[in-house]
C-alpha cells in the first residue's frame, strides 16, 4: 500500500500522538500544539507548524512519521525544545509574514523594475491586500485576512489574488478562490459598445486636433489601452502592425481591425499628443479628460471593447490570438469582452452559419 500523508495521520491519531504531518509546498512539516518559540510574546502553547526541511517523497514521509512520534513523545514528557527545529525554519525562510511580504516585494520589483508605475501598483494592490494579514505563517491567517474584506467586492477579489501569491511563495497549501465570492465581470454594468459607423462619426470631433485625431484613430483601430498610445509605433508597411513598446501588460504586437482604417488614416505617421506623466494612469487621465472635453458619447476603453468584439465576431480571429493582440488572457477575453456582443453581432454570426453549406 502506498504511504500517504492521510494514512500517516490516521496512524498517528490512532496512537494518540497529538501531532500531524502536513505538506507545505514541496516540503513536509509537523503540526501540533507547541510551546511558544524563543522570543515569542505568547506564554501558552498553541497550534504551530514545525518545519522538518525534508521533501514530500516516500522516504521523506517515512522520516516525517518517525519525527512526529518523537515530537509527540517529547511533548508528552514536557521535554520539547524548539532549538532543535529552528535551524530548519531558518533554512526554509519560515518566519513571520513581514519577512514573506518583503520577499514577495523584492521578487515583484525584480520582475517589474523599480518604476513609478510598479511602486503605485505595489502600494495600492499588494500592500492594501496585506494590511490585515496577522498571526502565524499559516493558511488560517491567510483566510482571516481575506475574509476581513467586504464580501463579493473588488477589494475581496484583489486581496484573495495577492494573498494566494504570498501563500505560494511561502509554501502554504491554501485555495482562496472560494472566498472571492461572486464578484467579477458578470457584475459589471452593461456597456453600449459603439458601432463602426458611430466610431467613424465621432472621429470627426477631433478633426481640429491632429494629434488627438491620431490617438483616437489608433485606439479604435488597434484596441490600445488609453496610455499605450504614448508608447507605440506603427509599421508603414502593410498590414501596418502596431508595436506596443511598453504598458500595463508589457510589450506586444497587434494588428489593425479594420485594416482599411490603418491605411486610410495613415496611422504610421505618428502624431502623439504632447502629454507627460510619471505613471500610466497619468496618461490615461489625460485621454479621459480630452474625451470629456470633446463630448465623446462613450469611454476611451469602449473603443478597445469594440476592437476585441470586432476581432472575435467579424474577423473570427481565434480567442487565444485575439487575446494576445489585446494584451490580456483568453479568460479575460471571454469574461469581459464577449459579454458585450450586441444582438446585431449575434444575428450576423447566425446568418454566417446559415450561409454555410450543410
Protein backbone atom coordinates (compact mmCIF):
# COMPACT_ATOMS: atom_id res chain seq x y z
CA UNK A 1 0.00 0.00 0.00
CA UNK A 2 1.29 3.44 -0.97
CA UNK A 3 2.20 5.59 2.00
CA UNK A 4 0.35 8.92 2.05
CA UNK A 5 0.01 11.81 4.47
CA UNK A 6 -3.58 10.74 5.14
CA UNK A 7 -2.50 7.23 6.14
CA UNK A 8 0.28 8.59 8.36
CA UNK A 9 -2.09 10.95 10.15
CA UNK A 10 -4.63 8.16 10.68
CA UNK A 11 -1.92 6.06 12.33
CA UNK A 12 -0.73 8.98 14.46
CA UNK A 13 -4.28 9.70 15.57
CA UNK A 14 -4.91 6.06 16.46
CA UNK A 15 -1.73 6.09 18.54
CA UNK A 16 -2.85 9.34 20.21
CA UNK A 17 0.42 11.04 19.32
CA UNK A 18 -1.14 14.52 19.07
CA UNK A 19 0.97 15.52 16.06
CA UNK A 20 0.00 15.70 12.36
CA UNK A 21 2.11 15.67 9.19
CA UNK A 22 1.35 18.33 6.56
CA UNK A 23 2.85 19.28 3.20
CA UNK A 24 3.77 22.92 2.64
CA UNK A 25 4.84 23.36 -0.94
CA UNK A 26 7.26 20.51 -1.69
CA UNK A 27 8.40 20.15 1.95
CA UNK A 28 6.96 18.44 4.99
CA UNK A 29 6.12 19.98 8.33
CA UNK A 30 4.57 18.81 11.57
CA UNK A 31 1.50 20.46 13.09
CA UNK A 32 0.87 20.32 16.83
CA UNK A 33 0.14 22.34 19.95
CA UNK A 34 3.65 23.52 20.75
CA UNK A 35 5.23 25.82 23.34
CA UNK A 36 5.89 29.42 22.21
CA UNK A 37 9.07 29.89 20.21
CA UNK A 38 12.03 31.61 21.88
CA UNK A 39 11.42 35.36 21.87
CA UNK A 40 7.66 34.99 21.36
CA UNK A 41 5.31 37.25 23.31
CA UNK A 42 2.95 34.31 23.84
CA UNK A 43 3.04 32.46 27.15
CA UNK A 44 0.90 29.38 26.50
CA UNK A 45 1.23 26.54 23.97
CA UNK A 46 -0.77 26.92 20.74
CA UNK A 47 -1.12 25.29 17.32
CA UNK A 48 2.02 25.82 15.23
CA UNK A 49 3.90 24.39 12.30
CA UNK A 50 7.27 22.74 12.81
CA UNK A 51 9.37 22.70 9.64
CA UNK A 52 11.28 19.48 9.03
CA UNK A 53 13.13 20.62 5.91
CA UNK A 54 12.53 17.29 4.16
CA UNK A 55 10.85 16.69 0.79
CA UNK A 56 7.37 15.22 0.40
CA UNK A 57 8.58 11.98 -1.22
CA UNK A 58 8.23 8.36 0.03
CA UNK A 59 11.44 8.50 2.05
CA UNK A 60 10.50 11.89 3.43
CA UNK A 61 7.07 10.63 4.51
CA UNK A 62 8.61 7.76 6.46
CA UNK A 63 11.01 10.12 8.20
CA UNK A 64 8.22 12.61 8.93
CA UNK A 65 6.12 9.91 10.60
CA UNK A 66 9.05 8.89 12.75
CA UNK A 67 9.76 12.52 13.64
CA UNK A 68 6.10 13.06 14.56
CA UNK A 69 6.31 10.19 17.06
CA UNK A 70 9.50 11.65 18.53
CA UNK A 71 7.94 15.10 18.90
CA UNK A 72 4.80 13.56 20.39
CA UNK A 73 6.92 11.77 22.99
CA UNK A 74 8.88 14.92 23.84
CA UNK A 75 5.67 16.88 24.26
CA UNK A 76 4.17 14.18 26.47
CA UNK A 77 7.23 14.29 28.74
CA UNK A 78 7.48 18.09 28.67
CA UNK A 79 10.92 17.90 27.08
CA UNK A 80 10.25 19.53 23.69
CA UNK A 81 12.95 22.08 22.72
CA UNK A 82 12.48 24.48 19.81
CA UNK A 83 16.23 24.92 19.27
CA UNK A 84 16.43 21.57 17.53
CA UNK A 85 13.99 22.70 14.82
CA UNK A 86 14.59 26.42 14.43
CA UNK A 87 17.58 25.70 12.17
CA UNK A 88 15.21 24.05 9.67
CA UNK A 89 12.87 27.03 9.80
CA UNK A 90 15.70 29.49 9.20
CA UNK A 91 16.97 27.46 6.24
CA UNK A 92 13.48 27.33 4.72
CA UNK A 93 12.89 31.01 5.34
CA UNK A 94 9.85 30.36 7.52
CA UNK A 95 9.28 33.42 9.67
CA UNK A 96 6.61 35.99 10.25
CA UNK A 97 4.50 37.44 7.45
CA UNK A 98 6.58 40.62 7.25
CA UNK A 99 9.54 38.55 6.04
CA UNK A 100 7.47 36.84 3.34
CA UNK A 101 5.91 40.12 2.20
CA UNK A 102 9.40 41.55 1.86
CA UNK A 103 10.49 38.54 -0.21
CA UNK A 104 7.49 38.96 -2.48
CA UNK A 105 8.20 42.67 -2.76
CA UNK A 106 11.79 42.01 -3.84
CA UNK A 107 10.59 39.43 -6.37
CA UNK A 108 7.95 41.84 -7.70
CA UNK A 109 10.36 44.72 -8.28
CA UNK A 110 12.97 42.38 -9.74
CA UNK A 111 10.39 41.46 -12.39
CA UNK A 112 8.69 44.83 -12.92
CA UNK A 113 11.57 47.20 -12.24
CA UNK A 114 11.51 49.94 -9.63
CA UNK A 115 9.42 52.35 -11.69
CA UNK A 116 6.73 54.83 -10.53
CA UNK A 117 4.06 52.56 -12.07
CA UNK A 118 5.39 49.50 -10.27
CA UNK A 119 5.56 51.42 -6.98
CA UNK A 120 1.99 52.62 -7.41
CA UNK A 121 0.71 49.10 -8.14
CA UNK A 122 2.60 47.61 -5.19
CA UNK A 123 1.24 50.19 -2.77
CA UNK A 124 -2.36 50.14 -3.98
CA UNK A 125 -2.79 46.47 -4.89
CA UNK A 126 -0.31 44.50 -2.80
CA UNK A 127 0.20 46.49 0.40
CA UNK A 128 -3.54 47.10 0.61
CA UNK A 129 -4.11 43.33 0.37
CA UNK A 130 -1.60 42.54 3.13
CA UNK A 131 -2.61 45.18 5.68
CA UNK A 132 -4.91 42.80 7.60
CA UNK A 133 -2.52 39.84 7.50
CA UNK A 134 -1.61 38.90 11.07
CA UNK A 135 -0.69 35.86 13.13
CA UNK A 136 1.49 32.91 12.28
CA UNK A 137 2.53 31.90 8.79
CA UNK A 138 -0.36 29.54 8.14
CA UNK A 139 -3.45 29.09 5.97
CA UNK A 140 -5.69 30.25 8.82
CA UNK A 141 -4.04 33.68 8.81
CA UNK A 142 -4.49 34.00 5.05
CA UNK A 143 -8.16 33.08 5.23
CA UNK A 144 -8.71 35.51 8.11
CA UNK A 145 -7.09 38.33 6.12
CA UNK A 146 -9.14 37.51 3.02
CA UNK A 147 -12.45 37.38 4.87
CA UNK A 148 -11.74 40.66 6.69
CA UNK A 149 -12.64 42.46 3.45
CA UNK A 150 -16.16 43.11 2.18
CA UNK A 151 -17.69 40.01 0.65
CA UNK A 152 -18.31 39.95 -3.13
CA UNK A 153 -16.28 43.12 -3.64
CA UNK A 154 -13.37 44.15 -5.83
CA UNK A 155 -11.31 44.53 -2.66
CA UNK A 156 -12.05 40.91 -1.67
CA UNK A 157 -11.09 39.64 -5.14
CA UNK A 158 -7.85 41.62 -5.23
CA UNK A 159 -6.93 40.61 -1.67
CA UNK A 160 -7.50 36.92 -2.36
CA UNK A 161 -5.39 37.04 -5.52
CA UNK A 162 -2.46 38.74 -3.80
CA UNK A 163 -2.65 36.54 -0.70
CA UNK A 164 -2.62 33.47 -2.95
CA UNK A 165 0.67 34.65 -4.47
CA UNK A 166 2.11 35.09 -0.99
CA UNK A 167 0.90 31.63 0.03
CA UNK A 168 2.59 30.01 -2.97
CA UNK A 169 5.84 31.79 -2.19
CA UNK A 170 5.71 30.69 1.46
CA UNK A 171 4.74 27.14 0.54
CA UNK A 172 1.36 27.32 2.29
CA UNK A 173 -1.30 24.99 0.89
CA UNK A 174 -4.50 27.00 0.66
CA UNK A 175 -7.08 27.77 -2.03
CA UNK A 176 -8.54 31.25 -1.63
CA UNK A 177 -10.66 31.18 -4.79
CA UNK A 178 -13.84 30.12 -2.94
CA UNK A 179 -13.56 33.24 -0.79
CA UNK A 180 -13.68 35.60 -3.77
CA UNK A 181 -17.44 35.16 -3.91
CA UNK A 182 -19.50 36.23 -6.89
CA UNK A 183 -17.63 39.43 -7.65
CA UNK A 184 -16.47 39.59 -11.23
CA UNK A 185 -17.21 40.67 -14.72
CA UNK A 186 -20.80 39.47 -14.53
CA UNK A 187 -21.48 42.28 -12.05
CA UNK A 188 -20.03 44.96 -14.30
CA UNK A 189 -22.66 47.29 -15.68
CA UNK A 190 -23.52 46.59 -19.33
CA UNK A 191 -21.87 48.91 -21.84
CA UNK A 192 -23.22 50.32 -25.03
CA UNK A 193 -20.37 49.44 -27.35
CA UNK A 194 -20.05 51.88 -30.27
CA UNK A 195 -20.65 50.52 -33.76
CA UNK A 196 -18.16 51.07 -36.57
CA UNK A 197 -20.36 53.79 -38.03
CA UNK A 198 -20.50 55.58 -34.67
CA UNK A 199 -16.73 55.33 -34.28
CA UNK A 200 -16.19 56.91 -37.69
CA UNK A 201 -18.78 59.61 -36.99
CA UNK A 202 -17.28 60.53 -33.60
CA UNK A 203 -13.83 60.73 -35.17
CA UNK A 204 -14.95 64.00 -36.77
CA UNK A 205 -14.96 65.60 -33.30
CA UNK A 206 -11.15 65.51 -33.36
CA UNK A 207 -10.59 66.97 -36.83
CA UNK A 208 -9.28 70.27 -35.46
CA UNK A 209 -6.64 68.46 -33.34
CA UNK A 210 -4.35 66.25 -35.49
CA UNK A 211 -2.56 64.65 -32.54
CA UNK A 212 -5.77 63.65 -30.74
CA UNK A 213 -7.32 62.59 -34.06
CA UNK A 214 -4.37 60.21 -34.47
CA UNK A 215 -4.69 58.98 -30.86
CA UNK A 216 -8.42 58.31 -31.20
CA UNK A 217 -7.91 56.52 -34.52
CA UNK A 218 -5.15 54.30 -33.13
CA UNK A 219 -7.28 53.27 -30.13
CA UNK A 220 -10.15 52.46 -32.47
CA UNK A 221 -8.04 50.53 -34.99
CA UNK A 222 -5.73 48.61 -32.66
CA UNK A 223 -7.74 48.43 -29.42
CA UNK A 224 -4.96 50.02 -27.38
CA UNK A 225 -5.40 50.96 -23.74
CA UNK A 226 -5.54 54.71 -23.27
CA UNK A 227 -1.95 55.03 -22.02
CA UNK A 228 -0.49 52.69 -24.67
CA UNK A 229 -0.95 55.21 -27.48
CA UNK A 230 2.00 57.12 -25.99
CA UNK A 231 4.26 54.06 -26.13
CA UNK A 232 3.73 52.56 -29.57
CA UNK A 233 4.97 52.62 -33.14
CA UNK A 234 3.22 51.51 -36.31
CA UNK A 235 4.79 49.99 -39.39
CA UNK A 236 4.36 51.87 -42.67
CA UNK A 237 4.45 48.52 -44.49
CA UNK A 238 1.14 46.62 -44.85
CA UNK A 239 -0.51 45.20 -42.81
CA UNK A 240 0.67 48.14 -40.64
CA UNK A 241 1.32 46.17 -37.47
CA UNK A 242 1.33 48.16 -34.24
CA UNK A 243 4.15 47.52 -31.77
CA UNK A 244 3.27 48.43 -28.17
CA UNK A 245 6.67 49.09 -26.62
CA UNK A 246 5.52 49.25 -23.00
CA UNK A 247 2.35 49.47 -20.96
CA UNK A 248 0.23 47.77 -18.31
CA UNK A 249 0.89 44.27 -19.64
CA UNK A 250 4.24 44.89 -21.29
CA UNK A 251 5.35 44.66 -24.90
CA UNK A 252 3.23 43.15 -27.68
CA UNK A 253 2.17 43.47 -31.31
CA UNK A 254 -1.37 43.92 -32.57
CA UNK A 255 -3.00 44.02 -35.97
CA UNK A 256 -5.42 46.61 -37.36
CA UNK A 257 -9.12 45.82 -37.35
CA UNK A 258 -10.31 47.10 -39.74
CA UNK A 259 -7.16 47.01 -41.88
CA UNK A 260 -8.68 49.70 -44.14
CA UNK A 261 -8.71 52.16 -41.23
CA UNK A 262 -4.94 51.91 -40.75
CA UNK A 263 -4.32 52.51 -44.44
CA UNK A 264 -6.96 55.19 -44.97
CA UNK A 265 -5.99 57.18 -41.87
CA UNK A 266 -2.23 56.61 -42.41
CA UNK A 267 -1.69 55.77 -38.78
CA UNK A 268 2.02 55.01 -39.25
CA UNK A 269 2.51 58.77 -39.41
CA UNK A 270 2.87 59.16 -35.65
CA UNK A 271 1.32 62.30 -34.17
CA UNK A 272 1.26 61.64 -30.45
CA UNK A 273 -0.41 64.22 -28.18
CA UNK A 274 2.09 66.30 -26.24
CA UNK A 275 1.48 64.80 -22.79
CA UNK A 276 3.74 63.81 -19.94
CA UNK A 277 3.19 61.75 -16.82
CA UNK A 278 5.01 59.74 -14.19
CA UNK A 279 2.64 56.78 -14.31
CA UNK A 280 0.45 55.11 -16.92
CA UNK A 281 -2.69 56.30 -15.19
CA UNK A 282 -1.50 59.92 -15.63
CA UNK A 283 -1.60 59.40 -19.40
CA UNK A 284 -4.95 57.65 -19.13
CA UNK A 285 -6.43 60.58 -17.22
CA UNK A 286 -5.33 62.98 -19.95
CA UNK A 287 -7.07 60.84 -22.56
CA UNK A 288 -10.27 60.70 -20.48
CA UNK A 289 -10.28 64.47 -19.97
CA UNK A 290 -9.87 65.02 -23.71
CA UNK A 291 -12.77 62.68 -24.48
CA UNK A 292 -14.90 64.63 -21.97
CA UNK A 293 -13.85 67.94 -23.45
CA UNK A 294 -14.78 66.73 -26.95
CA UNK A 295 -18.14 65.39 -25.70
CA UNK A 296 -17.40 61.88 -26.93
CA UNK A 297 -20.54 59.81 -26.15
CA UNK A 298 -18.59 56.79 -24.92
CA UNK A 299 -15.49 55.99 -22.85
CA UNK A 300 -11.97 55.53 -24.28
CA UNK A 301 -12.00 51.86 -23.24
CA UNK A 302 -15.16 51.28 -25.27
CA UNK A 303 -13.00 51.56 -28.40
CA UNK A 304 -10.92 48.71 -27.03
CA UNK A 305 -14.00 46.60 -26.33
CA UNK A 306 -15.27 47.27 -29.84
CA UNK A 307 -11.91 46.15 -31.26
CA UNK A 308 -11.94 42.89 -29.30
CA UNK A 309 -15.52 42.06 -30.29
CA UNK A 310 -14.83 43.00 -33.90
CA UNK A 311 -11.88 40.61 -33.99
CA UNK A 312 -13.78 37.71 -32.46
CA UNK A 313 -17.08 38.11 -34.32
CA UNK A 314 -16.42 39.88 -37.62
CA UNK A 315 -12.95 38.52 -38.39
CA UNK A 316 -13.26 35.26 -36.43
CA UNK A 317 -9.75 35.61 -35.01
CA UNK A 318 -9.10 32.68 -32.61
CA UNK A 319 -9.60 33.71 -28.99
CA UNK A 320 -6.01 32.98 -27.98
CA UNK A 321 -4.69 35.12 -30.84
CA UNK A 322 -7.18 37.92 -30.23
CA UNK A 323 -6.33 37.96 -26.55
CA UNK A 324 -2.63 38.19 -27.40
CA UNK A 325 -3.22 41.17 -29.70
CA UNK A 326 -5.22 42.88 -26.95
CA UNK A 327 -2.67 42.11 -24.26
CA UNK A 328 -4.81 40.06 -21.91
CA UNK A 329 -5.58 36.39 -21.22
CA UNK A 330 -8.14 34.29 -23.12
CA UNK A 331 -10.14 34.06 -19.88
CA UNK A 332 -10.40 37.85 -19.69
CA UNK A 333 -11.39 37.95 -23.33
CA UNK A 334 -14.26 35.52 -22.75
CA UNK A 335 -15.46 37.05 -19.49
CA UNK A 336 -15.06 40.74 -20.21
CA UNK A 337 -15.39 41.43 -23.90
CA UNK A 338 -17.65 38.82 -25.40
CA UNK A 339 -20.33 39.62 -22.80
CA UNK A 340 -21.00 42.86 -24.64
CA UNK A 341 -21.66 41.41 -28.06
CA UNK A 342 -24.80 43.09 -29.30
CA UNK A 343 -27.88 41.44 -30.76
CA UNK A 344 -26.76 42.67 -34.17
CA UNK A 345 -23.45 40.85 -33.82
CA UNK A 346 -25.23 37.67 -32.71
CA UNK A 347 -27.52 37.95 -35.74
CA UNK A 348 -24.53 38.25 -38.07
CA UNK A 349 -22.97 35.11 -36.61
CA UNK A 350 -26.23 33.22 -37.15
CA UNK A 351 -26.51 34.50 -40.74
CA UNK A 352 -22.99 33.23 -41.43
CA UNK A 353 -23.94 29.83 -40.06
CA UNK A 354 -27.00 29.67 -42.31
CA UNK A 355 -24.98 30.56 -45.39
CA UNK A 356 -22.56 27.68 -44.89
CA UNK A 357 -23.22 24.51 -46.90
CA UNK A 358 -24.56 21.65 -44.80
